Amino acid sequence: MLHPGQFVLGETLEWVHLPKDLVAFVIGKSTWGRDGLIIATAIGVHPYWSGILTLEISNVGEIPIYLYPGLAIAQLFIASVEAGGSAVPVPSAFQVQTGPRTRNVEIEDREIIQSFRQRLAQE
């Protein structure tokens, strides 16, 4: 049960693998959205990506929502893309994931964080 104002990470049952000429978009189903269930994710799924999709699930409605494994709460829109030259896979921290996980900001953005701290120290 997802109470109003609650947030949870979920995962798809399907394993997704996109070839170099396809991209996908994760969209919440409107029937659930009308009850206040919002499905978010990175939304865009890049070519070459493989893994299960992590869903960011929020109840912004006023009543509790019961969720069960296997419910169709989101949909995947797939589109073809045209690559100029040879498409090269883009590295991703979430590539080939087998369960939902969050970013590790301290590791992934270490250079940005260090640069910012250095600028603050100079001021």
C-alpha atoms as a PDB file:
ATOM      1  CA  MET A   1       0.000   0.000   0.000  1.00  0.00           C
ATOM      2  CA  LEU A   2       1.372   3.392  -1.017  1.00  0.00           C
ATOM      3  CA  HIS A   3      -0.061   6.123   1.203  1.00  0.00           C
ATOM      4  CA  PRO A   4      -0.548   9.731   0.056  1.00  0.00           C
ATOM      5  CA  GLY A   5       2.794  11.542  -0.026  1.00  0.00           C
ATOM      6  CA  GLN A   6       4.832   8.319  -0.040  1.00  0.00           C
ATOM      7  CA  PHE A   7       7.607   7.487  -2.497  1.00  0.00           C
ATOM      8  CA  VAL A   8       9.102   4.103  -3.342  1.00  0.00           C
ATOM      9  CA  LEU A   9      11.498   2.633  -5.892  1.00  0.00           C
ATOM     10  CA  GLY A  10      10.131  -0.201  -7.998  1.00  0.00           C
ATOM     11  CA  GLU A  11      11.417  -2.292 -10.847  1.00  0.00           C
ATOM     12  CA  THR A  12      10.033  -3.758 -14.021  1.00  0.00           C
ATOM     13  CA  LEU A  13       9.652  -7.492 -14.394  1.00  0.00           C
ATOM     14  CA  GLU A  14      10.995  -7.251 -17.944  1.00  0.00           C
ATOM     15  CA  TRP A  15      14.639  -7.164 -18.940  1.00  0.00           C
ATOM     16  CA  VAL A  16      15.131  -4.474 -21.586  1.00  0.00           C
ATOM     17  CA  HIS A  17      17.879  -4.424 -24.211  1.00  0.00           C
ATOM     18  CA  LEU A  18      17.860  -1.731 -26.854  1.00  0.00           C
ATOM     19  CA  PRO A  19      19.874  -2.020 -30.054  1.00  0.00           C
ATOM     20  CA  LYS A  20      21.778   0.943 -31.485  1.00  0.00           C
ATOM     21  CA  ASP A  21      18.816   2.186 -33.531  1.00  0.00           C
ATOM     22  CA  LEU A  22      16.097   2.247 -30.840  1.00  0.00           C
ATOM     23  CA  VAL A  23      15.350   4.547 -27.921  1.00  0.00           C
ATOM     24  CA  ALA A  24      12.557   4.161 -25.376  1.00  0.00           C
ATOM     25  CA  PHE A  25      10.556   6.417 -23.075  1.00  0.00           C
ATOM     26  CA  VAL A  26       8.958   5.262 -19.805  1.00  0.00           C
ATOM     27  CA  ILE A  27       5.550   6.824 -19.189  1.00  0.00           C
ATOM     28  CA  GLY A  28       3.103   6.195 -16.354  1.00  0.00           C
ATOM     29  CA  LYS A  29      -0.304   4.873 -17.385  1.00  0.00           C
ATOM     30  CA  SER A  30      -2.996   7.547 -17.277  1.00  0.00           C
ATOM     31  CA  THR A  31      -5.526   5.308 -15.523  1.00  0.00           C
ATOM     32  CA  TRP A  32      -3.181   5.165 -12.521  1.00  0.00           C
ATOM     33  CA  GLY A  33      -2.278   8.845 -12.834  1.00  0.00           C
ATOM     34  CA  ARG A  34      -5.939   9.744 -12.358  1.00  0.00           C
ATOM     35  CA  ASP A  35      -5.750   8.111  -8.928  1.00  0.00           C
ATOM     36  CA  GLY A  36      -2.616  10.108  -8.068  1.00  0.00           C
ATOM     37  CA  LEU A  37       0.034   7.504  -8.898  1.00  0.00           C
ATOM     38  CA  ILE A  38       2.972   9.153 -10.614  1.00  0.00           C
ATOM     39  CA  ILE A  39       5.642   7.045 -12.299  1.00  0.00           C
ATOM     40  CA  ALA A  40       8.927   8.748 -13.021  1.00  0.00           C
ATOM     41  CA  THR A  41      12.307   7.477 -14.020  1.00  0.00           C
ATOM     42  CA  ALA A  42      15.144   8.789 -16.095  1.00  0.00           C
ATOM     43  CA  ILE A  43      12.354   8.655 -18.699  1.00  0.00           C
ATOM     44  CA  GLY A  44      14.678   8.258 -21.695  1.00  0.00           C
ATOM     45  CA  VAL A  45      16.297   4.878 -22.253  1.00  0.00           C
ATOM     46  CA  HIS A  46      19.324   5.209 -24.534  1.00  0.00           C
ATOM     47  CA  PRO A  47      20.350   2.936 -27.404  1.00  0.00           C
ATOM     48  CA  TYR A  48      22.512  -0.013 -26.250  1.00  0.00           C
ATOM     49  CA  TRP A  49      21.014   0.111 -22.735  1.00  0.00           C
ATOM     50  CA  SER A  50      20.324  -3.224 -21.023  1.00  0.00           C
ATOM     51  CA  GLY A  51      18.768  -4.082 -17.691  1.00  0.00           C
ATOM     52  CA  ILE A  52      15.585  -3.777 -15.714  1.00  0.00           C
ATOM     53  CA  LEU A  53      14.048  -0.339 -15.433  1.00  0.00           C
ATOM     54  CA  THR A  54      13.851   1.344 -12.054  1.00  0.00           C
ATOM     55  CA  LEU A  55      10.594   3.182 -11.489  1.00  0.00           C
ATOM     56  CA  GLU A  56      10.250   6.111  -9.095  1.00  0.00           C
ATOM     57  CA  ILE A  57       6.717   5.717  -7.790  1.00  0.00           C
ATOM     58  CA  SER A  58       4.865   8.460  -5.876  1.00  0.00           C
ATOM     59  CA  ASN A  59       1.348   8.763  -4.561  1.00  0.00           C
ATOM     60  CA  VAL A  60       0.347  12.417  -4.951  1.00  0.00           C
ATOM     61  CA  GLY A  61      -3.340  11.635  -4.503  1.00  0.00           C
ATOM     62  CA  GLU A  62      -5.496  11.689  -1.405  1.00  0.00           C
ATOM     63  CA  ILE A  63      -6.185   7.961  -0.966  1.00  0.00           C
ATOM     64  CA  PRO A  64      -3.884   4.956  -0.387  1.00  0.00           C
ATOM     65  CA  ILE A  65      -3.087   2.982  -3.542  1.00  0.00           C
ATOM     66  CA  TYR A  66      -2.605  -0.772  -3.449  1.00  0.00           C
ATOM     67  CA  LEU A  67       0.168  -2.037  -5.735  1.00  0.00           C
ATOM     68  CA  TYR A  68       0.951  -5.659  -6.547  1.00  0.00           C
ATOM     69  CA  PRO A  69       3.711  -7.323  -8.603  1.00  0.00           C
ATOM     70  CA  GLY A  70       2.676  -7.603 -12.232  1.00  0.00           C
ATOM     71  CA  LEU A  71       0.373  -4.580 -12.370  1.00  0.00           C
ATOM     72  CA  ALA A  72       0.749  -2.540 -15.551  1.00  0.00           C
ATOM     73  CA  ILE A  73       1.446   0.888 -14.030  1.00  0.00           C
ATOM     74  CA  ALA A  74       3.815   2.164 -16.739  1.00  0.00           C
ATOM     75  CA  GLN A  75       4.345   1.759 -20.445  1.00  0.00           C
ATOM     76  CA  LEU A  76       7.342   1.859 -22.728  1.00  0.00           C
ATOM     77  CA  PHE A  77       7.239   3.921 -25.917  1.00  0.00           C
ATOM     78  CA  ILE A  78       9.884   2.780 -28.387  1.00  0.00           C
ATOM     79  CA  ALA A  79      11.136   4.894 -31.281  1.00  0.00           C
ATOM     80  CA  SER A  80      13.777   4.427 -33.925  1.00  0.00           C
ATOM     81  CA  VAL A  81      16.741   6.754 -34.045  1.00  0.00           C
ATOM     82  CA  GLU A  82      19.141   7.553 -36.807  1.00  0.00           C
ATOM     83  CA  ALA A  83      22.794   7.639 -35.844  1.00  0.00           C
ATOM     84  CA  GLY A  84      25.189   9.766 -37.832  1.00  0.00           C
ATOM     85  CA  GLY A  85      28.273   7.673 -38.491  1.00  0.00           C
ATOM     86  CA  SER A  86      28.864   4.851 -36.055  1.00  0.00           C
ATOM     87  CA  ALA A  87      26.875   4.953 -32.839  1.00  0.00           C
ATOM     88  CA  VAL A  88      28.995   4.454 -29.749  1.00  0.00           C
ATOM     89  CA  PRO A  89      27.507   3.179 -26.482  1.00  0.00           C
ATOM     90  CA  VAL A  90      27.328   5.822 -23.748  1.00  0.00           C
ATOM     91  CA  PRO A  91      28.669   4.578 -20.386  1.00  0.00           C
ATOM     92  CA  SER A  92      26.042   4.565 -17.649  1.00  0.00           C
ATOM     93  CA  ALA A  93      26.199   3.894 -13.925  1.00  0.00           C
ATOM     94  CA  PHE A  94      22.904   2.044 -14.302  1.00  0.00           C
ATOM     95  CA  GLN A  95      23.867  -0.182 -17.252  1.00  0.00           C
ATOM     96  CA  VAL A  96      22.939  -3.867 -16.823  1.00  0.00           C
ATOM     97  CA  GLN A  97      21.277  -3.289 -13.467  1.00  0.00           C
ATOM     98  CA  THR A  98      19.419  -6.162 -11.863  1.00  0.00           C
ATOM     99  CA  GLY A  99      17.587  -4.218  -9.180  1.00  0.00           C
ATOM    100  CA  PRO A 100      16.662  -0.647  -8.337  1.00  0.00           C
ATOM    101  CA  ARG A 101      19.468   1.516  -7.061  1.00  0.00           C
ATOM    102  CA  THR A 102      20.220   5.157  -6.565  1.00  0.00           C
ATOM    103  CA  ARG A 103      23.265   7.076  -7.730  1.00  0.00           C
ATOM    104  CA  ASN A 104      26.342   7.299  -5.606  1.00  0.00           C
ATOM    105  CA  VAL A 105      26.873  11.034  -5.884  1.00  0.00           C
ATOM    106  CA  GLU A 106      30.128  11.043  -3.942  1.00  0.00           C
ATOM    107  CA  ILE A 107      31.734   8.631  -6.418  1.00  0.00           C
ATOM    108  CA  GLU A 108      30.045   9.603  -9.706  1.00  0.00           C
ATOM    109  CA  ASP A 109      30.354  13.363  -9.282  1.00  0.00           C
ATOM    110  CA  ARG A 110      33.629  13.385  -7.349  1.00  0.00           C
ATOM    111  CA  GLU A 111      35.394  15.759  -9.758  1.00  0.00           C
ATOM    112  CA  ILE A 112      32.547  18.272  -9.763  1.00  0.00           C
ATOM    113  CA  ILE A 113      32.269  18.181  -5.967  1.00  0.00           C
ATOM    114  CA  GLN A 114      36.044  18.619  -5.511  1.00  0.00           C
ATOM    115  CA  SER A 115      36.133  21.520  -7.964  1.00  0.00           C
ATOM    116  CA  PHE A 116      33.272  23.242  -6.161  1.00  0.00           C
ATOM    117  CA  ARG A 117      34.932  22.730  -2.757  1.00  0.00           C
ATOM    118  CA  GLN A 118      38.181  24.209  -4.096  1.00  0.00           C
ATOM    119  CA  ARG A 119      36.377  27.297  -5.389  1.00  0.00           C
ATOM    120  CA  LEU A 120      34.664  27.742  -2.025  1.00  0.00           C
ATOM    121  CA  ALA A 121      38.000  27.430  -0.213  1.00  0.00           C
ATOM    122  CA  GLN A 122      39.492  30.169  -2.417  1.00  0.00           C
ATOM    123  CA  GLU A 123      36.723  32.648  -1.595  1.00  0.00           C
END
